Amino acid sequence: MSAQLQPIQQVLQNWILAGQAIVGSVGALAFIAAFIWKMTAVNSTSVNAAKQWIGRIVVGTIGVEMAGTLVQILTSSLGSH
C-alpha cells in the first residue's frame, strides 16, 4: 500500500468504526423500544406499526454494516494500485 494512502485509509477506518458503534448502540436501543412497544400495544394497528419499525431498524443496521464493509473493500483496492 502506498504510504500516502495509509493515513487516509486509517481516518476512514476510524470513522467507519465510530459510525458503526453509534448506529449499533442507537439501533439496539431503538430495537428494544420497538419490541416493548409491540409487546405492550393494545390494538393491532400499533402492533403492526411496531413490527414495521423493527424491520426498518434491522435493515438500517445491516445497511450500515454493509456500507462499512464496502468502504473497506474500496479503500483496500486503492492501495493495491
PDB file of N, CA and C in Angstrom:
ATOM      1  N   MET A   1       0.838  -1.168   0.000  1.00  0.00           N
ATOM      2  CA  MET A   1       0.000   0.000   0.000  1.00  0.00           C
ATOM      3  C   MET A   1       0.889   1.239   0.000  1.00  0.00           C
ATOM      4  N   SER A   2       0.444   2.242  -0.702  1.00  0.00           N
ATOM      5  CA  SER A   2       1.183   3.487  -0.777  1.00  0.00           C
ATOM      6  C   SER A   2       1.199   4.174   0.586  1.00  0.00           C
ATOM      7  N   ALA A   3       2.343   4.738   0.930  1.00  0.00           N
ATOM      8  CA  ALA A   3       2.465   5.445   2.211  1.00  0.00           C
ATOM      9  C   ALA A   3       1.568   6.676   2.253  1.00  0.00           C
ATOM     10  N   GLN A   4       1.240   7.231   1.097  1.00  0.00           N
ATOM     11  CA  GLN A   4       0.374   8.409   1.046  1.00  0.00           C
ATOM     12  C   GLN A   4      -1.075   8.052   1.336  1.00  0.00           C
ATOM     13  N   LEU A   5      -1.492   6.865   0.978  1.00  0.00           N
ATOM     14  CA  LEU A   5      -2.881   6.459   1.197  1.00  0.00           C
ATOM     15  C   LEU A   5      -3.130   5.902   2.588  1.00  0.00           C
ATOM     16  N   GLN A   6      -2.111   5.479   3.260  1.00  0.00           N
ATOM     17  CA  GLN A   6      -2.294   4.855   4.577  1.00  0.00           C
ATOM     18  C   GLN A   6      -2.961   5.781   5.593  1.00  0.00           C
ATOM     19  N   PRO A   7      -2.564   7.067   5.708  1.00  0.00           N
ATOM     20  CA  PRO A   7      -3.269   7.932   6.668  1.00  0.00           C
ATOM     21  C   PRO A   7      -4.749   8.133   6.308  1.00  0.00           C
ATOM     22  N   ILE A   8      -5.043   8.234   5.024  1.00  0.00           N
ATOM     23  CA  ILE A   8      -6.438   8.399   4.597  1.00  0.00           C
ATOM     24  C   ILE A   8      -7.238   7.155   4.938  1.00  0.00           C
ATOM     25  N   GLN A   9      -6.644   5.994   4.691  1.00  0.00           N
ATOM     26  CA  GLN A   9      -7.337   4.748   4.998  1.00  0.00           C
ATOM     27  C   GLN A   9      -7.560   4.616   6.509  1.00  0.00           C
ATOM     28  N   GLN A  10      -6.604   5.049   7.299  1.00  0.00           N
ATOM     29  CA  GLN A  10      -6.752   4.978   8.752  1.00  0.00           C
ATOM     30  C   GLN A  10      -7.873   5.897   9.236  1.00  0.00           C
ATOM     31  N   VAL A  11      -7.953   7.097   8.671  1.00  0.00           N
ATOM     32  CA  VAL A  11      -9.032   8.019   9.040  1.00  0.00           C
ATOM     33  C   VAL A  11     -10.385   7.434   8.667  1.00  0.00           C
ATOM     34  N   LEU A  12     -10.482   6.875   7.463  1.00  0.00           N
ATOM     35  CA  LEU A  12     -11.738   6.244   7.046  1.00  0.00           C
ATOM     36  C   LEU A  12     -12.106   5.082   7.967  1.00  0.00           C
ATOM     37  N   GLN A  13     -11.133   4.283   8.306  1.00  0.00           N
ATOM     38  CA  GLN A  13     -11.381   3.147   9.201  1.00  0.00           C
ATOM     39  C   GLN A  13     -11.888   3.616  10.562  1.00  0.00           C
ATOM     40  N   ASN A  14     -11.275   4.670  11.100  1.00  0.00           N
ATOM     41  CA  ASN A  14     -11.709   5.201  12.396  1.00  0.00           C
ATOM     42  C   ASN A  14     -13.139   5.720  12.329  1.00  0.00           C
ATOM     43  N   TRP A  15     -13.483   6.440  11.256  1.00  0.00           N
ATOM     44  CA  TRP A  15     -14.841   6.958  11.107  1.00  0.00           C
ATOM     45  C   TRP A  15     -15.849   5.835  10.912  1.00  0.00           C
ATOM     46  N   ILE A  16     -15.459   4.823  10.175  1.00  0.00           N
ATOM     47  CA  ILE A  16     -16.353   3.676   9.976  1.00  0.00           C
ATOM     48  C   ILE A  16     -16.641   2.995  11.309  1.00  0.00           C
ATOM     49  N   LEU A  17     -15.603   2.756  12.086  1.00  0.00           N
ATOM     50  CA  LEU A  17     -15.789   2.102  13.385  1.00  0.00           C
ATOM     51  C   LEU A  17     -16.656   2.947  14.314  1.00  0.00           C
ATOM     52  N   ALA A  18     -16.425   4.267  14.321  1.00  0.00           N
ATOM     53  CA  ALA A  18     -17.226   5.160  15.162  1.00  0.00           C
ATOM     54  C   ALA A  18     -18.687   5.148  14.706  1.00  0.00           C
ATOM     55  N   GLY A  19     -18.902   5.229  13.405  1.00  0.00           N
ATOM     56  CA  GLY A  19     -20.268   5.212  12.879  1.00  0.00           C
ATOM     57  C   GLY A  19     -20.988   3.913  13.178  1.00  0.00           C
ATOM     58  N   GLN A  20     -20.292   2.798  13.013  1.00  0.00           N
ATOM     59  CA  GLN A  20     -20.902   1.507  13.307  1.00  0.00           C
ATOM     60  C   GLN A  20     -21.225   1.371  14.793  1.00  0.00           C
ATOM     61  N   ALA A  21     -20.362   1.885  15.645  1.00  0.00           N
ATOM     62  CA  ALA A  21     -20.623   1.812  17.086  1.00  0.00           C
ATOM     63  C   ALA A  21     -21.841   2.647  17.464  1.00  0.00           C
ATOM     64  N   ILE A  22     -21.933   3.841  16.899  1.00  0.00           N
ATOM     65  CA  ILE A  22     -23.068   4.714  17.205  1.00  0.00           C
ATOM     66  C   ILE A  22     -24.364   4.108  16.693  1.00  0.00           C
ATOM     67  N   VAL A  23     -24.347   3.660  15.438  1.00  0.00           N
ATOM     68  CA  VAL A  23     -25.561   3.065  14.862  1.00  0.00           C
ATOM     69  C   VAL A  23     -25.939   1.790  15.610  1.00  0.00           C
ATOM     70  N   GLY A  24     -24.942   1.008  15.984  1.00  0.00           N
ATOM     71  CA  GLY A  24     -25.231  -0.209  16.745  1.00  0.00           C
ATOM     72  C   GLY A  24     -25.875   0.089  18.088  1.00  0.00           C
ATOM     73  N   SER A  25     -25.372   1.085  18.779  1.00  0.00           N
ATOM     74  CA  SER A  25     -25.929   1.452  20.087  1.00  0.00           C
ATOM     75  C   SER A  25     -27.335   2.019  19.958  1.00  0.00           C
ATOM     76  N   VAL A  26     -27.496   2.973  19.044  1.00  0.00           N
ATOM     77  CA  VAL A  26     -28.814   3.573  18.841  1.00  0.00           C
ATOM     78  C   VAL A  26     -29.785   2.534  18.299  1.00  0.00           C
ATOM     79  N   GLY A  27     -29.308   1.696  17.397  1.00  0.00           N
ATOM     80  CA  GLY A  27     -30.155   0.644  16.842  1.00  0.00           C
ATOM     81  C   GLY A  27     -30.622  -0.336  17.906  1.00  0.00           C
ATOM     82  N   ALA A  28     -29.740  -0.689  18.821  1.00  0.00           N
ATOM     83  CA  ALA A  28     -30.117  -1.614  19.898  1.00  0.00           C
ATOM     84  C   ALA A  28     -31.176  -0.995  20.804  1.00  0.00           C
ATOM     85  N   LEU A  29     -30.984   0.273  21.151  1.00  0.00           N
ATOM     86  CA  LEU A  29     -31.980   0.953  21.989  1.00  0.00           C
ATOM     87  C   LEU A  29     -33.317   1.084  21.264  1.00  0.00           C
ATOM     88  N   ALA A  30     -33.265   1.439  19.982  1.00  0.00           N
ATOM     89  CA  ALA A  30     -34.499   1.570  19.205  1.00  0.00           C
ATOM     90  C   ALA A  30     -35.194   0.217  19.060  1.00  0.00           C
ATOM     91  N   PHE A  31     -34.410  -0.845  18.862  1.00  0.00           N
ATOM     92  CA  PHE A  31     -34.989  -2.173  18.739  1.00  0.00           C
ATOM     93  C   PHE A  31     -35.698  -2.573  20.038  1.00  0.00           C
ATOM     94  N   ILE A  32     -35.058  -2.320  21.156  1.00  0.00           N
ATOM     95  CA  ILE A  32     -35.674  -2.645  22.453  1.00  0.00           C
ATOM     96  C   ILE A  32     -36.956  -1.855  22.653  1.00  0.00           C
ATOM     97  N   ALA A  33     -36.909  -0.549  22.326  1.00  0.00           N
ATOM     98  CA  ALA A  33     -38.098   0.284  22.483  1.00  0.00           C
ATOM     99  C   ALA A  33     -39.232  -0.204  21.585  1.00  0.00           C
ATOM    100  N   ALA A  34     -38.920  -0.538  20.332  1.00  0.00           N
ATOM    101  CA  ALA A  34     -39.952  -1.028  19.409  1.00  0.00           C
ATOM    102  C   ALA A  34     -40.493  -2.385  19.853  1.00  0.00           C
ATOM    103  N   PHE A  35     -39.619  -3.226  20.388  1.00  0.00           N
ATOM    104  CA  PHE A  35     -40.071  -4.529  20.866  1.00  0.00           C
ATOM    105  C   PHE A  35     -41.006  -4.380  22.060  1.00  0.00           C
ATOM    106  N   ILE A  36     -40.640  -3.497  22.988  1.00  0.00           N
ATOM    107  CA  ILE A  36     -41.519  -3.241  24.150  1.00  0.00           C
ATOM    108  C   ILE A  36     -42.841  -2.654  23.680  1.00  0.00           C
ATOM    109  N   TRP A  37     -42.774  -1.732  22.705  1.00  0.00           N
ATOM    110  CA  TRP A  37     -43.991  -1.141  22.142  1.00  0.00           C
ATOM    111  C   TRP A  37     -44.878  -2.229  21.561  1.00  0.00           C
ATOM    112  N   LYS A  38     -44.269  -3.168  20.829  1.00  0.00           N
ATOM    113  CA  LYS A  38     -45.039  -4.259  20.229  1.00  0.00           C
ATOM    114  C   LYS A  38     -45.684  -5.136  21.297  1.00  0.00           C
ATOM    115  N   MET A  39     -44.945  -5.404  22.358  1.00  0.00           N
ATOM    116  CA  MET A  39     -45.459  -6.295  23.400  1.00  0.00           C
ATOM    117  C   MET A  39     -46.556  -5.630  24.238  1.00  0.00           C
ATOM    118  N   THR A  40     -46.506  -4.310  24.363  1.00  0.00           N
ATOM    119  CA  THR A  40     -47.484  -3.628  25.219  1.00  0.00           C
ATOM    120  C   THR A  40     -48.609  -2.971  24.429  1.00  0.00           C
ATOM    121  N   ALA A  41     -48.585  -3.079  23.107  1.00  0.00           N
ATOM    122  CA  ALA A  41     -49.620  -2.445  22.280  1.00  0.00           C
ATOM    123  C   ALA A  41     -50.968  -3.107  22.538  1.00  0.00           C
ATOM    124  N   VAL A  42     -51.991  -2.268  22.543  1.00  0.00           N
ATOM    125  CA  VAL A  42     -53.328  -2.791  22.845  1.00  0.00           C
ATOM    126  C   VAL A  42     -54.164  -3.030  21.594  1.00  0.00           C
ATOM    127  N   ASN A  43     -53.776  -2.419  20.476  1.00  0.00           N
ATOM    128  CA  ASN A  43     -54.557  -2.661  19.262  1.00  0.00           C
ATOM    129  C   ASN A  43     -53.637  -3.150  18.145  1.00  0.00           C
ATOM    130  N   SER A  44     -54.245  -3.749  17.146  1.00  0.00           N
ATOM    131  CA  SER A  44     -53.462  -4.369  16.078  1.00  0.00           C
ATOM    132  C   SER A  44     -52.728  -3.339  15.218  1.00  0.00           C
ATOM    133  N   THR A  45     -53.239  -2.126  15.114  1.00  0.00           N
ATOM    134  CA  THR A  45     -52.564  -1.091  14.332  1.00  0.00           C
ATOM    135  C   THR A  45     -51.220  -0.741  14.952  1.00  0.00           C
ATOM    136  N   SER A  46     -51.187  -0.622  16.260  1.00  0.00           N
ATOM    137  CA  SER A  46     -49.930  -0.328  16.960  1.00  0.00           C
ATOM    138  C   SER A  46     -48.948  -1.489  16.850  1.00  0.00           C
ATOM    139  N   VAL A  47     -49.445  -2.696  16.922  1.00  0.00           N
ATOM    140  CA  VAL A  47     -48.581  -3.866  16.793  1.00  0.00           C
ATOM    141  C   VAL A  47     -47.946  -3.892  15.400  1.00  0.00           C
ATOM    142  N   ASN A  48     -48.741  -3.627  14.377  1.00  0.00           N
ATOM    143  CA  ASN A  48     -48.213  -3.622  13.010  1.00  0.00           C
ATOM    144  C   ASN A  48     -47.199  -2.490  12.816  1.00  0.00           C
ATOM    145  N   ALA A  49     -47.475  -1.329  13.387  1.00  0.00           N
ATOM    146  CA  ALA A  49     -46.526  -0.214  13.281  1.00  0.00           C
ATOM    147  C   ALA A  49     -45.215  -0.567  13.972  1.00  0.00           C
ATOM    148  N   ALA A  50     -45.288  -1.207  15.125  1.00  0.00           N
ATOM    149  CA  ALA A  50     -44.073  -1.609  15.842  1.00  0.00           C
ATOM    150  C   ALA A  50     -43.284  -2.636  15.031  1.00  0.00           C
ATOM    151  N   LYS A  51     -43.981  -3.577  14.419  1.00  0.00           N
ATOM    152  CA  LYS A  51     -43.305  -4.576  13.576  1.00  0.00           C
ATOM    153  C   LYS A  51     -42.597  -3.903  12.400  1.00  0.00           C
ATOM    154  N   GLN A  52     -43.238  -2.899  11.805  1.00  0.00           N
ATOM    155  CA  GLN A  52     -42.606  -2.178  10.697  1.00  0.00           C
ATOM    156  C   GLN A  52     -41.349  -1.460  11.168  1.00  0.00           C
ATOM    157  N   TRP A  53     -41.410  -0.837  12.337  1.00  0.00           N
ATOM    158  CA  TRP A  53     -40.225  -0.149  12.860  1.00  0.00           C
ATOM    159  C   TRP A  53     -39.111  -1.125  13.185  1.00  0.00           C
ATOM    160  N   ILE A  54     -39.447  -2.279  13.710  1.00  0.00           N
ATOM    161  CA  ILE A  54     -38.427  -3.298  13.989  1.00  0.00           C
ATOM    162  C   ILE A  54     -37.743  -3.699  12.686  1.00  0.00           C
ATOM    163  N   GLY A  55     -38.518  -3.904  11.640  1.00  0.00           N
ATOM    164  CA  GLY A  55     -37.944  -4.244  10.340  1.00  0.00           C
ATOM    165  C   GLY A  55     -37.037  -3.145   9.805  1.00  0.00           C
ATOM    166  N   ARG A  56     -37.460  -1.897   9.948  1.00  0.00           N
ATOM    167  CA  ARG A  56     -36.636  -0.780   9.487  1.00  0.00           C
ATOM    168  C   ARG A  56     -35.331  -0.692  10.263  1.00  0.00           C
ATOM    169  N   ILE A  57     -35.398  -0.911  11.546  1.00  0.00           N
ATOM    170  CA  ILE A  57     -34.197  -0.849  12.385  1.00  0.00           C
ATOM    171  C   ILE A  57     -33.215  -1.945  11.973  1.00  0.00           C
ATOM    172  N   VAL A  58     -33.717  -3.148  11.772  1.00  0.00           N
ATOM    173  CA  VAL A  58     -32.853  -4.260  11.384  1.00  0.00           C
ATOM    174  C   VAL A  58     -32.210  -3.995  10.028  1.00  0.00           C
ATOM    175  N   VAL A  59     -33.001  -3.553   9.055  1.00  0.00           N
ATOM    176  CA  VAL A  59     -32.474  -3.285   7.717  1.00  0.00           C
ATOM    177  C   VAL A  59     -31.457  -2.138   7.765  1.00  0.00           C
ATOM    178  N   GLY A  60     -31.741  -1.103   8.538  1.00  0.00           N
ATOM    179  CA  GLY A  60     -30.809   0.013   8.653  1.00  0.00           C
ATOM    180  C   GLY A  60     -29.491  -0.396   9.274  1.00  0.00           C
ATOM    181  N   THR A  61     -29.542  -1.213  10.298  1.00  0.00           N
ATOM    182  CA  THR A  61     -28.317  -1.671  10.951  1.00  0.00           C
ATOM    183  C   THR A  61     -27.496  -2.544  10.010  1.00  0.00           C
ATOM    184  N   ILE A  62     -28.155  -3.421   9.291  1.00  0.00           N
ATOM    185  CA  ILE A  62     -27.449  -4.263   8.320  1.00  0.00           C
ATOM    186  C   ILE A  62     -26.852  -3.399   7.213  1.00  0.00           C
ATOM    187  N   GLY A  63     -27.585  -2.376   6.798  1.00  0.00           N
ATOM    188  CA  GLY A  63     -27.090  -1.471   5.759  1.00  0.00           C
ATOM    189  C   GLY A  63     -25.817  -0.755   6.161  1.00  0.00           C
ATOM    190  N   VAL A  64     -25.743  -0.329   7.412  1.00  0.00           N
ATOM    191  CA  VAL A  64     -24.528   0.341   7.901  1.00  0.00           C
ATOM    192  C   VAL A  64     -23.358  -0.632   7.910  1.00  0.00           C
ATOM    193  N   GLU A  65     -23.583  -1.844   8.329  1.00  0.00           N
ATOM    194  CA  GLU A  65     -22.518  -2.839   8.327  1.00  0.00           C
ATOM    195  C   GLU A  65     -22.030  -3.113   6.903  1.00  0.00           C
ATOM    196  N   MET A  66     -22.960  -3.214   5.972  1.00  0.00           N
ATOM    197  CA  MET A  66     -22.585  -3.468   4.580  1.00  0.00           C
ATOM    198  C   MET A  66     -21.838  -2.272   3.993  1.00  0.00           C
ATOM    199  N   ALA A  67     -22.264  -1.070   4.327  1.00  0.00           N
ATOM    200  CA  ALA A  67     -21.578   0.123   3.829  1.00  0.00           C
ATOM    201  C   ALA A  67     -20.154   0.184   4.367  1.00  0.00           C
ATOM    202  N   GLY A  68     -19.973  -0.150   5.633  1.00  0.00           N
ATOM    203  CA  GLY A  68     -18.633  -0.177   6.213  1.00  0.00           C
ATOM    204  C   GLY A  68     -17.735  -1.183   5.522  1.00  0.00           C
ATOM    205  N   THR A  69     -18.274  -2.346   5.228  1.00  0.00           N
ATOM    206  CA  THR A  69     -17.509  -3.371   4.520  1.00  0.00           C
ATOM    207  C   THR A  69     -17.160  -2.919   3.110  1.00  0.00           C
ATOM    208  N   LEU A  70     -18.108  -2.282   2.439  1.00  0.00           N
ATOM    209  CA  LEU A  70     -17.861  -1.788   1.087  1.00  0.00           C
ATOM    210  C   LEU A  70     -16.759  -0.738   1.077  1.00  0.00           C
ATOM    211  N   VAL A  71     -16.776   0.181   2.033  1.00  0.00           N
ATOM    212  CA  VAL A  71     -15.721   1.203   2.102  1.00  0.00           C
ATOM    213  C   VAL A  71     -14.369   0.555   2.357  1.00  0.00           C
ATOM    214  N   GLN A  72     -14.319  -0.443   3.211  1.00  0.00           N
ATOM    215  CA  GLN A  72     -13.060  -1.139   3.466  1.00  0.00           C
ATOM    216  C   GLN A  72     -12.542  -1.819   2.196  1.00  0.00           C
ATOM    217  N   ILE A  73     -13.437  -2.428   1.446  1.00  0.00           N
ATOM    218  CA  ILE A  73     -13.028  -3.082   0.196  1.00  0.00           C
ATOM    219  C   ILE A  73     -12.511  -2.050  -0.795  1.00  0.00           C
ATOM    220  N   LEU A  74     -13.229  -0.944  -0.921  1.00  0.00           N
ATOM    221  CA  LEU A  74     -12.812   0.087  -1.868  1.00  0.00           C
ATOM    222  C   LEU A  74     -11.472   0.714  -1.492  1.00  0.00           C
ATOM    223  N   THR A  75     -11.279   1.012  -0.210  1.00  0.00           N
ATOM    224  CA  THR A  75     -10.002   1.609   0.188  1.00  0.00           C
ATOM    225  C   THR A  75      -8.866   0.604   0.064  1.00  0.00           C
ATOM    226  N   SER A  76      -9.132  -0.658   0.286  1.00  0.00           N
ATOM    227  CA  SER A  76      -8.095  -1.679   0.100  1.00  0.00           C
ATOM    228  C   SER A  76      -7.726  -1.815  -1.365  1.00  0.00           C
ATOM    229  N   SER A  77      -8.701  -1.692  -2.248  1.00  0.00           N
ATOM    230  CA  SER A  77      -8.397  -1.808  -3.670  1.00  0.00           C
ATOM    231  C   SER A  77      -7.611  -0.602  -4.159  1.00  0.00           C
ATOM    232  N   LEU A  78      -7.791   0.558  -3.549  1.00  0.00           N
ATOM    233  CA  LEU A  78      -7.000   1.730  -3.914  1.00  0.00           C
ATOM    234  C   LEU A  78      -5.527   1.532  -3.571  1.00  0.00           C
ATOM    235  N   GLY A  79      -5.299   0.862  -2.467  1.00  0.00           N
ATOM    236  CA  GLY A  79      -3.920   0.643  -2.034  1.00  0.00           C
ATOM    237  C   GLY A  79      -3.164  -0.330  -2.915  1.00  0.00           C
ATOM    238  N   SER A  80      -3.875  -1.167  -3.655  1.00  0.00           N
ATOM    239  CA  SER A  80      -3.206  -2.156  -4.490  1.00  0.00           C
ATOM    240  C   SER A  80      -2.791  -1.596  -5.852  1.00  0.00           C
ATOM    241  N   HIS A  81      -3.230  -0.394  -6.189  1.00  0.00           N
ATOM    242  CA  HIS A  81      -2.875   0.193  -7.492  1.00  0.00           C
ATOM    243  C   HIS A  81      -1.748   1.164  -7.353  1.00  0.00           C
TER     244      HIS A  81
END
